[in-house]
C-alpha cells in the first residue's frame, strides 16, 4: 500500500548530510513494511536484523561498537554482502538491543557511507531508561503514524479522488455534491476501520467490519501487553487505568483530560508518569492548551491543561465498542461520543502532517479545538461532527487575535467566506 513516508525515506537516501535513520512510531503502524518496500526498490539487497525474533543477534555488538568490526558480523549473520550505498542495513525492534542503538553514533562517525535504518515500536519509552545511551545528534529521525485518510482513500479507490480533494482545497471550490456525499461515506468507513495497515488491508479484502474489530482488539491487547513488558511494576496499573480512561473522557462535553476521571481522587503527581508513557509509546497524542496565542506557541502552553487522543481513530471506536452502523449511519445514540471521535480523527490527520497541535479557551465559553502554525501563520481550527453554520467560538477568537484566516472542518462542502475557510472532514489531510 502507498505510504507517504516513502518520499521522506527517498529524501533521506539522497541527502549528502545523511545519518543513520531511526524510524519510530506505535506498534503495528507499518514501519517494517515501509522500510522493506523502500529497500526493495532502492537497493540491491538488504541486511535485515530483527532483535525481537533473532535474540542471538545482540551478540554482534557484544565486544565492539565499531562499525568496522560490526559489519562483517552482520554479513555472516544475515548471509548478505554489504556494499556501501547499495545495501540497506536494517535493524528492527532496536529498542531490544541497547548496544545496537548506541552503535549508530559510530556508524555516523566512522562509516557514514553505509546506509543504516532502524525501527522501534517503543523506542520513546525505551530510551528514557538509564541503560540506553542515545546517539544524540548522530541520527536522523522520522515518525510513522497510522495511514491517514488520503492513504486509505488511495488504497480504497482507483478514481483519483485524492487529487480532486486537493484541487478543491487549494481553490476553495465546492466538490460536486455526488462526490461530496460519496467521500463523506468513505470518511465514516475510515472512522470505523482506522489507519492501521493490517486493518485497512483486510477491510478492503473482506468489507467485514466485525472481522476488522477482531483485528483491532488484538492490537489493543498487544498495547496492554506492552504496558506490562516495558514499564515498572508500580506504573503498570496506573498506565492501564489512564489508557482506559481516554475513550470515556472523549465522550464528555469538556474533553480536557482530568486525572480525577481516571480514578477516584486521581492527581497529577500520581498519574503523570502514566500519561507520559502513553505519549512516548506513540499509543496516544497529547494536545496542550495555550493561555495566549503568540509565536512560538510552545512558550505559552499550559502544562496542566491538555487533551489526550488515541493515535488511531479506528482503535478508539473498537476500544469503546462502538457499533459500526452507529458511525456509518450517524446514529443519535452515539451523540455524546461523536464530538470527541471527530476531534480525535482531525488530530490524527494533523499529526500525520507534522503539525504540533494546541487548543485555546477564552475566559468565557469560547473554545477552539486546535491551533497550529501553518506556512508561518497561526491558524485556528474549529471541528464539528456535522454541518456547522454558526461558528461562535471561531468568531470570538478571530475578533481577539485577528488571524489571516481560520479553518472550519465539518460535513459542509468547501468554501471561503468572511475569513473562514470551510473544509470537509474528508479533506483534513490537506492541512
Protein backbone atom coordinates (compact mmCIF):
# COMPACT_ATOMS: atom_id res chain seq x y z
CA UNK A 1 0.00 0.00 0.00
CA UNK A 2 1.08 3.56 -0.71
CA UNK A 3 2.70 5.30 2.28
CA UNK A 4 3.77 8.93 2.26
CA UNK A 5 6.80 8.10 4.39
CA UNK A 6 8.42 6.70 1.22
CA UNK A 7 9.01 10.25 -0.04
CA UNK A 8 10.81 11.13 3.18
CA UNK A 9 12.87 7.94 3.01
CA UNK A 10 13.93 8.83 -0.53
CA UNK A 11 14.97 12.31 0.61
CA UNK A 12 17.00 10.71 3.41
CA UNK A 13 18.71 8.35 0.97
CA UNK A 14 19.78 11.18 -1.35
CA UNK A 15 20.83 13.66 1.34
CA UNK A 16 24.54 14.43 1.50
CA UNK A 17 24.04 15.01 5.24
CA UNK A 18 22.50 11.57 5.76
CA UNK A 19 22.96 9.94 9.16
CA UNK A 20 21.70 6.59 10.44
CA UNK A 21 17.91 6.84 10.49
CA UNK A 22 15.59 5.96 13.35
CA UNK A 23 12.00 5.31 12.22
CA UNK A 24 9.75 5.33 15.25
CA UNK A 25 6.02 5.01 15.82
CA UNK A 26 3.44 2.95 17.65
CA UNK A 27 3.27 -0.80 17.18
CA UNK A 28 1.51 -2.01 14.01
CA UNK A 29 1.76 1.25 12.08
CA UNK A 30 3.68 -0.46 9.25
CA UNK A 31 7.28 0.55 9.91
CA UNK A 32 8.82 -2.74 8.82
CA UNK A 33 6.69 -2.94 5.67
CA UNK A 34 7.51 0.66 4.70
CA UNK A 35 11.26 0.14 5.07
CA UNK A 36 11.21 -3.23 3.29
CA UNK A 37 9.31 -1.78 0.31
CA UNK A 38 11.67 1.17 0.20
CA UNK A 39 14.69 -1.14 0.27
CA UNK A 40 13.22 -3.42 -2.40
CA UNK A 41 13.03 -0.57 -4.92
CA UNK A 42 16.09 1.48 -3.94
CA UNK A 43 18.83 -1.02 -3.00
CA UNK A 44 20.47 -4.12 -4.42
CA UNK A 45 19.93 -6.05 -1.19
CA UNK A 46 19.04 -5.67 2.47
CA UNK A 47 20.84 -6.90 5.58
CA UNK A 48 17.90 -7.34 7.96
CA UNK A 49 18.26 -7.97 11.69
CA UNK A 50 15.18 -8.26 13.93
CA UNK A 51 16.16 -8.14 17.62
CA UNK A 52 12.77 -9.49 18.69
CA UNK A 53 12.93 -12.66 16.60
CA UNK A 54 16.72 -13.06 16.49
CA UNK A 55 17.66 -12.93 20.17
CA UNK A 56 21.21 -14.03 19.43
CA UNK A 57 21.76 -11.01 17.18
CA UNK A 58 22.68 -8.92 20.22
CA UNK A 59 25.98 -10.85 20.35
CA UNK A 60 27.08 -8.97 17.21
CA UNK A 61 27.58 -5.89 19.39
CA UNK A 62 28.97 -7.60 22.49
CA UNK A 63 32.69 -6.93 22.01
CA UNK A 64 32.85 -3.76 19.93
CA UNK A 65 30.59 -0.97 18.66
CA UNK A 66 32.99 -0.04 15.88
CA UNK A 67 31.21 -0.50 12.51
CA UNK A 68 34.42 -1.89 11.03
CA UNK A 69 34.07 -4.81 13.43
CA UNK A 70 30.28 -5.00 13.32
CA UNK A 71 29.66 -5.01 9.56
CA UNK A 72 31.50 -8.30 8.83
CA UNK A 73 29.49 -9.95 11.63
CA UNK A 74 26.22 -8.64 10.16
CA UNK A 75 27.23 -10.07 6.79
CA UNK A 76 27.75 -13.51 8.35
CA UNK A 77 24.57 -13.31 10.42
CA UNK A 78 22.31 -12.18 7.55
CA UNK A 79 24.17 -14.03 4.78
CA UNK A 80 24.25 -10.77 2.80
CA UNK A 81 27.21 -8.94 1.29
CA UNK A 82 27.08 -5.32 2.48
CA UNK A 83 28.14 -2.73 -0.10
CA UNK A 84 28.37 0.99 0.59
CA UNK A 85 25.36 2.82 -0.83
CA UNK A 86 23.89 -0.30 -2.40
CA UNK A 87 22.92 -2.32 0.67
CA UNK A 88 20.45 -1.17 3.30
CA UNK A 89 21.32 -2.29 6.82
CA UNK A 90 18.04 -2.54 8.73
CA UNK A 91 17.89 -3.05 12.50
CA UNK A 92 14.28 -3.79 13.50
CA UNK A 93 12.87 -3.58 17.07
CA UNK A 94 16.12 -1.87 18.05
CA UNK A 95 14.75 -0.94 21.48
CA UNK A 96 15.53 -4.54 22.49
CA UNK A 97 19.27 -4.08 21.89
CA UNK A 98 20.76 -1.04 23.67
CA UNK A 99 24.21 -1.68 22.21
CA UNK A 100 22.85 -1.56 18.64
CA UNK A 101 21.23 1.78 19.38
CA UNK A 102 24.47 3.16 20.79
CA UNK A 103 26.41 1.85 17.77
CA UNK A 104 24.56 4.29 15.49
CA UNK A 105 26.81 7.03 16.84
CA UNK A 106 29.84 5.22 15.49
CA UNK A 107 28.20 4.41 12.16
CA UNK A 108 27.78 8.16 11.74
CA UNK A 109 31.36 8.93 12.78
CA UNK A 110 33.32 6.08 11.18
CA UNK A 111 31.08 4.59 8.46
CA UNK A 112 28.92 7.41 7.04
CA UNK A 113 28.84 5.86 3.55
CA UNK A 114 26.84 2.87 4.79
CA UNK A 115 23.06 3.27 4.75
CA UNK A 116 21.52 2.28 8.10
CA UNK A 117 17.84 2.36 9.06
CA UNK A 118 16.47 1.28 12.41
CA UNK A 119 12.89 0.90 13.63
CA UNK A 120 11.38 0.57 17.08
CA UNK A 121 7.82 0.39 18.35
CA UNK A 122 8.52 1.55 21.90
CA UNK A 123 11.71 3.48 21.34
CA UNK A 124 10.37 6.59 23.04
CA UNK A 125 9.77 4.59 26.21
CA UNK A 126 12.96 2.55 26.00
CA UNK A 127 15.41 5.41 25.53
CA UNK A 128 14.17 7.08 28.70
CA UNK A 129 15.78 4.27 30.67
CA UNK A 130 19.28 4.69 32.05
CA UNK A 131 20.56 1.60 30.24
CA UNK A 132 20.32 3.37 26.88
CA UNK A 133 22.95 5.73 25.59
CA UNK A 134 21.03 7.56 22.90
CA UNK A 135 23.18 8.82 19.99
CA UNK A 136 22.11 12.45 20.31
CA UNK A 137 22.98 14.49 17.23
CA UNK A 138 24.25 11.42 15.38
CA UNK A 139 20.98 10.17 13.87
CA UNK A 140 18.11 11.32 11.69
CA UNK A 141 14.59 10.64 12.96
CA UNK A 142 11.21 10.08 11.33
CA UNK A 143 7.88 9.07 12.84
CA UNK A 144 5.39 6.80 11.08
CA UNK A 145 1.76 7.27 12.05
CA UNK A 146 -1.20 5.08 11.05
CA UNK A 147 -2.40 5.60 7.49
CA UNK A 148 -4.12 8.96 7.15
CA UNK A 149 -7.38 9.32 5.24
CA UNK A 150 -5.59 10.13 1.99
CA UNK A 151 -3.51 6.94 2.18
CA UNK A 152 -6.68 4.98 2.99
CA UNK A 153 -8.52 6.58 0.08
CA UNK A 154 -5.71 5.81 -2.38
CA UNK A 155 -5.82 2.17 -1.24
CA UNK A 156 -9.64 2.06 -1.39
CA UNK A 157 -10.34 3.71 -4.75
CA UNK A 158 -8.80 3.99 -8.17
CA UNK A 159 -10.54 7.15 -9.30
CA UNK A 160 -8.12 9.89 -8.31
CA UNK A 161 -10.27 11.35 -5.52
CA UNK A 162 -7.18 12.44 -3.66
CA UNK A 163 -6.25 14.84 -6.46
CA UNK A 164 -9.84 16.15 -6.68
CA UNK A 165 -9.91 16.86 -2.97
CA UNK A 166 -6.60 18.71 -3.05
CA UNK A 167 -7.72 20.81 -6.00
CA UNK A 168 -10.93 21.84 -4.22
CA UNK A 169 -8.97 22.59 -1.05
CA UNK A 170 -6.47 24.81 -2.87
CA UNK A 171 -9.12 26.73 -4.84
CA UNK A 172 -11.94 26.74 -2.23
CA UNK A 173 -14.21 25.32 -4.94
CA UNK A 174 -17.14 23.12 -3.83
CA UNK A 175 -16.85 19.43 -4.55
CA UNK A 176 -19.57 18.05 -6.84
CA UNK A 177 -22.38 17.05 -4.44
CA UNK A 178 -22.41 13.45 -5.73
CA UNK A 179 -18.71 13.01 -4.94
CA UNK A 180 -19.00 15.04 -1.74
CA UNK A 181 -21.58 12.63 -0.31
CA UNK A 182 -19.59 9.63 -1.54
CA UNK A 183 -16.45 10.90 0.18
CA UNK A 184 -18.31 11.55 3.43
CA UNK A 185 -19.40 7.92 3.29
CA UNK A 186 -15.78 6.83 2.83
CA UNK A 187 -14.80 9.09 5.72
CA UNK A 188 -17.31 7.36 8.01
CA UNK A 189 -15.92 3.98 6.96
CA UNK A 190 -12.45 5.23 7.85
CA UNK A 191 -13.66 6.22 11.32
CA UNK A 192 -14.55 2.57 11.94
CA UNK A 193 -11.60 0.93 10.18
CA UNK A 194 -8.93 3.47 11.11
CA UNK A 195 -5.47 3.65 9.63
CA UNK A 196 -3.67 0.58 10.96
CA UNK A 197 -2.32 -1.01 7.73
CA UNK A 198 -3.43 -4.54 8.64
CA UNK A 199 -6.95 -3.31 9.34
CA UNK A 200 -7.12 -1.33 6.09
CA UNK A 201 -5.77 -4.21 4.02
CA UNK A 202 -8.13 -6.80 5.49
CA UNK A 203 -11.13 -4.49 5.29
CA UNK A 204 -10.51 -3.83 1.59
CA UNK A 205 -10.28 -7.59 1.08
CA UNK A 206 -13.35 -8.58 3.12
CA UNK A 207 -15.53 -5.49 3.69
CA UNK A 208 -16.27 -7.15 7.05
CA UNK A 209 -16.43 -4.69 9.96
CA UNK A 210 -16.82 -7.44 12.55
CA UNK A 211 -13.64 -9.12 11.37
CA UNK A 212 -11.78 -5.80 11.46
CA UNK A 213 -12.91 -5.19 15.03
CA UNK A 214 -11.33 -8.54 15.94
CA UNK A 215 -8.03 -7.41 14.41
CA UNK A 216 -8.27 -4.08 16.24
CA UNK A 217 -8.88 -5.79 19.55
CA UNK A 218 -5.76 -7.91 19.03
CA UNK A 219 -3.74 -4.72 18.52
CA UNK A 220 -5.28 -3.21 21.66
CA UNK A 221 -4.34 -6.36 23.58
CA UNK A 222 -0.77 -6.04 22.30
CA UNK A 223 -0.71 -2.49 23.65
CA UNK A 224 -1.82 -3.72 27.06
CA UNK A 225 0.90 -6.38 26.99
CA UNK A 226 3.48 -3.70 26.18
CA UNK A 227 2.39 -1.75 29.23
CA UNK A 228 3.44 -4.75 31.30
CA UNK A 229 6.66 -5.58 29.44
CA UNK A 230 8.07 -2.06 29.11
CA UNK A 231 7.01 -0.47 32.38
CA UNK A 232 7.87 -0.56 36.06
CA UNK A 233 5.67 -2.71 38.29
CA UNK A 234 4.39 0.30 40.19
CA UNK A 235 3.27 2.02 36.99
CA UNK A 236 1.57 -0.82 35.09
CA UNK A 237 -1.86 -0.48 36.69
CA UNK A 238 -1.76 3.32 36.59
CA UNK A 239 -0.89 3.26 32.87
CA UNK A 240 -3.72 0.84 32.10
CA UNK A 241 -6.23 2.91 34.08
CA UNK A 242 -5.14 6.08 32.28
CA UNK A 243 -5.28 4.35 28.90
CA UNK A 244 -8.76 3.01 29.58
CA UNK A 245 -9.90 6.48 30.61
CA UNK A 246 -9.13 8.12 27.25
CA UNK A 247 -12.27 6.96 25.45
CA UNK A 248 -14.55 7.85 28.35
CA UNK A 249 -13.08 11.34 28.65
CA UNK A 250 -13.55 11.99 24.93
CA UNK A 251 -17.28 11.40 25.43
CA UNK A 252 -17.50 14.31 27.87
CA UNK A 253 -18.64 17.78 26.78
CA UNK A 254 -15.33 19.08 28.09
CA UNK A 255 -12.69 16.85 26.50
CA UNK A 256 -9.83 18.31 28.56
CA UNK A 257 -8.08 15.44 30.33
CA UNK A 258 -8.97 15.18 34.01
CA UNK A 259 -6.96 12.98 36.38
CA UNK A 260 -9.92 12.66 38.73
CA UNK A 261 -11.80 10.78 35.99
CA UNK A 262 -9.05 8.13 35.80
CA UNK A 263 -9.69 7.04 39.36
CA UNK A 264 -11.36 8.48 42.42
CA UNK A 265 -9.06 11.09 43.91
CA UNK A 266 -6.63 10.83 40.99
CA UNK A 267 -3.95 13.51 40.92
CA UNK A 268 -1.25 14.62 38.51
CA UNK A 269 1.54 13.65 40.91
CA UNK A 270 0.25 10.08 40.87
CA UNK A 271 -0.69 9.65 37.20
CA UNK A 272 1.53 11.97 35.15
CA UNK A 273 4.13 9.23 34.54
CA UNK A 274 1.39 7.01 33.12
CA UNK A 275 0.33 9.79 30.74
CA UNK A 276 3.95 10.29 29.68
CA UNK A 277 4.36 6.55 28.99
CA UNK A 278 1.35 6.56 26.65
CA UNK A 279 2.67 9.58 24.75
CA UNK A 280 6.23 8.24 24.44
CA UNK A 281 4.96 4.86 23.23
CA UNK A 282 3.03 6.52 20.41
CA UNK A 283 -0.24 5.00 21.61
CA UNK A 284 -1.70 8.41 22.43
CA UNK A 285 -1.40 12.02 21.30
CA UNK A 286 -1.35 14.98 23.68
CA UNK A 287 -2.62 18.47 22.79
CA UNK A 288 -1.71 21.22 25.25
CA UNK A 289 -3.85 24.28 25.89
CA UNK A 290 -2.32 27.69 25.34
CA UNK A 291 -3.10 30.65 27.56
CA UNK A 292 -2.45 33.14 24.78
CA UNK A 293 -1.86 32.71 21.06
CA UNK A 294 1.59 34.03 20.14
CA UNK A 295 4.70 32.66 18.47
CA UNK A 296 6.23 30.36 19.48
CA UNK A 297 3.13 28.57 20.71
CA UNK A 298 5.13 26.16 22.83
CA UNK A 299 6.21 29.04 25.08
CA UNK A 300 2.61 29.71 26.06
CA UNK A 301 1.35 26.18 26.66
CA UNK A 302 -0.27 25.31 29.97
CA UNK A 303 1.33 22.04 31.07
CA UNK A 304 -1.57 21.39 33.44
CA UNK A 305 -4.23 21.68 30.74
CA UNK A 306 -4.31 19.24 27.84
CA UNK A 307 -6.36 16.78 25.83
CA UNK A 308 -5.37 13.19 25.09
CA UNK A 309 -6.39 11.37 21.93
CA UNK A 310 -5.85 7.84 20.66
CA UNK A 311 -3.26 7.64 17.89
CA UNK A 312 -5.78 5.87 15.62
CA UNK A 313 -9.48 6.66 15.39
CA UNK A 314 -10.38 3.08 14.41
CA UNK A 315 -8.78 1.78 17.60
CA UNK A 316 -10.70 4.45 19.51
CA UNK A 317 -14.01 3.11 18.16
CA UNK A 318 -13.01 -0.51 18.80
CA UNK A 319 -11.85 0.27 22.32
CA UNK A 320 -15.16 1.96 23.05
CA UNK A 321 -17.02 -0.99 21.46
CA UNK A 322 -18.86 1.34 19.10
CA UNK A 323 -21.17 -0.50 16.70
CA UNK A 324 -20.05 0.17 13.09
CA UNK A 325 -23.58 1.00 11.94
CA UNK A 326 -23.87 3.72 14.58
CA UNK A 327 -20.94 5.51 12.93
CA UNK A 328 -21.81 4.67 9.34
CA UNK A 329 -25.39 5.93 9.67
CA UNK A 330 -24.86 8.79 12.14
CA UNK A 331 -26.89 7.24 14.93
CA UNK A 332 -28.17 9.66 17.56
CA UNK A 333 -27.28 7.04 20.17
CA UNK A 334 -23.60 8.00 20.00
CA UNK A 335 -24.23 11.75 20.04
CA UNK A 336 -22.06 12.32 23.13
CA UNK A 337 -19.19 10.33 21.61
CA UNK A 338 -19.24 11.83 18.08
CA UNK A 339 -17.66 15.15 19.02
CA UNK A 340 -14.64 13.58 20.70
CA UNK A 341 -14.33 10.96 17.96
CA UNK A 342 -14.30 13.66 15.28
CA UNK A 343 -11.70 15.72 17.17
CA UNK A 344 -9.61 12.55 17.52
CA UNK A 345 -9.79 11.96 13.76
CA UNK A 346 -8.70 15.51 12.91
CA UNK A 347 -5.89 15.43 15.47
CA UNK A 348 -4.51 12.25 13.84
CA UNK A 349 -4.62 13.83 10.37
CA UNK A 350 -2.80 16.93 11.62
CA UNK A 351 -0.18 14.89 13.48
CA UNK A 352 0.48 12.81 10.35
CA UNK A 353 1.28 16.04 8.52
CA UNK A 354 3.81 17.01 11.16
CA UNK A 355 1.73 19.63 12.96
CA UNK A 356 2.10 20.23 16.67
CA UNK A 357 -1.42 20.99 17.83
CA UNK A 358 -2.58 23.21 20.66
CA UNK A 359 -6.02 24.17 21.91
CA UNK A 360 -7.35 27.50 23.21
CA UNK A 361 -10.17 28.55 25.51
CA UNK A 362 -11.30 32.05 26.44
CA UNK A 363 -12.33 33.12 29.92
CA UNK A 364 -15.92 32.69 28.80
CA UNK A 365 -17.41 29.81 26.79
CA UNK A 366 -15.44 30.13 23.55
CA UNK A 367 -13.10 27.23 22.76
CA UNK A 368 -11.01 26.49 19.69
CA UNK A 369 -10.34 22.79 19.13
CA UNK A 370 -6.90 23.23 17.56
CA UNK A 371 -4.40 25.99 16.87
CA UNK A 372 -1.49 25.19 14.55
CA UNK A 373 1.30 27.02 12.78
CA UNK A 374 0.79 26.64 9.03
CA UNK A 375 3.01 28.33 6.46
CA UNK A 376 4.33 30.61 9.19
CA UNK A 377 0.85 31.70 10.31
CA UNK A 378 -1.05 30.80 13.50
CA UNK A 379 -4.29 29.24 12.30
CA UNK A 380 -7.32 28.36 14.47
CA UNK A 381 -9.30 25.23 13.60
CA UNK A 382 -12.86 24.52 14.67
CA UNK A 383 -14.09 20.94 14.30
CA UNK A 384 -17.71 19.82 14.11
CA UNK A 385 -19.05 16.33 13.52
CA UNK A 386 -21.88 17.63 11.30
CA UNK A 387 -22.80 20.79 9.38
CA UNK A 388 -21.82 23.97 11.18
CA UNK A 389 -23.26 27.37 10.34
CA UNK A 390 -22.68 29.47 13.48
CA UNK A 391 -19.01 29.02 14.49
CA UNK A 392 -19.43 31.32 17.51
CA UNK A 393 -16.15 30.30 19.15
CA UNK A 394 -14.27 30.89 15.92
CA UNK A 395 -15.70 34.41 15.61
CA UNK A 396 -14.73 35.19 19.21
CA UNK A 397 -11.18 34.00 18.52
CA UNK A 398 -10.94 35.99 15.29
CA UNK A 399 -12.07 39.19 16.97
CA UNK A 400 -9.43 38.73 19.67
CA UNK A 401 -6.41 37.56 17.62
CA UNK A 402 -7.28 38.61 14.04
CA UNK A 403 -5.68 35.64 12.23
CA UNK A 404 -5.15 35.88 8.48
CA UNK A 405 -7.83 33.20 8.12
CA UNK A 406 -9.44 30.39 10.10
CA UNK A 407 -10.34 26.79 9.29
CA UNK A 408 -13.75 25.24 9.92
CA UNK A 409 -13.86 21.46 9.49
CA UNK A 410 -17.29 19.81 9.26
CA UNK A 411 -19.52 17.95 6.81
CA UNK A 412 -20.02 21.22 4.86
CA UNK A 413 -18.59 21.49 1.36
CA UNK A 414 -15.51 23.55 0.50
CA UNK A 415 -15.79 27.32 0.61
CA UNK A 416 -14.30 30.58 1.87
CA UNK A 417 -16.31 33.39 3.44
CA UNK A 418 -15.59 36.16 5.96
CA UNK A 419 -12.06 34.91 6.53
CA UNK A 420 -13.17 31.36 7.29
CA UNK A 421 -12.02 28.53 5.03
CA UNK A 422 -14.53 25.66 5.14
CA UNK A 423 -13.02 22.20 4.79
CA UNK A 424 -14.99 18.93 4.66
CA UNK A 425 -13.92 16.32 7.20
CA UNK A 426 -12.61 14.07 4.44
CA UNK A 427 -10.14 16.78 3.39
CA UNK A 428 -8.42 17.29 6.76
CA UNK A 429 -5.31 15.58 5.35
CA UNK A 430 -4.77 18.61 3.09
CA UNK A 431 -3.97 20.90 6.02
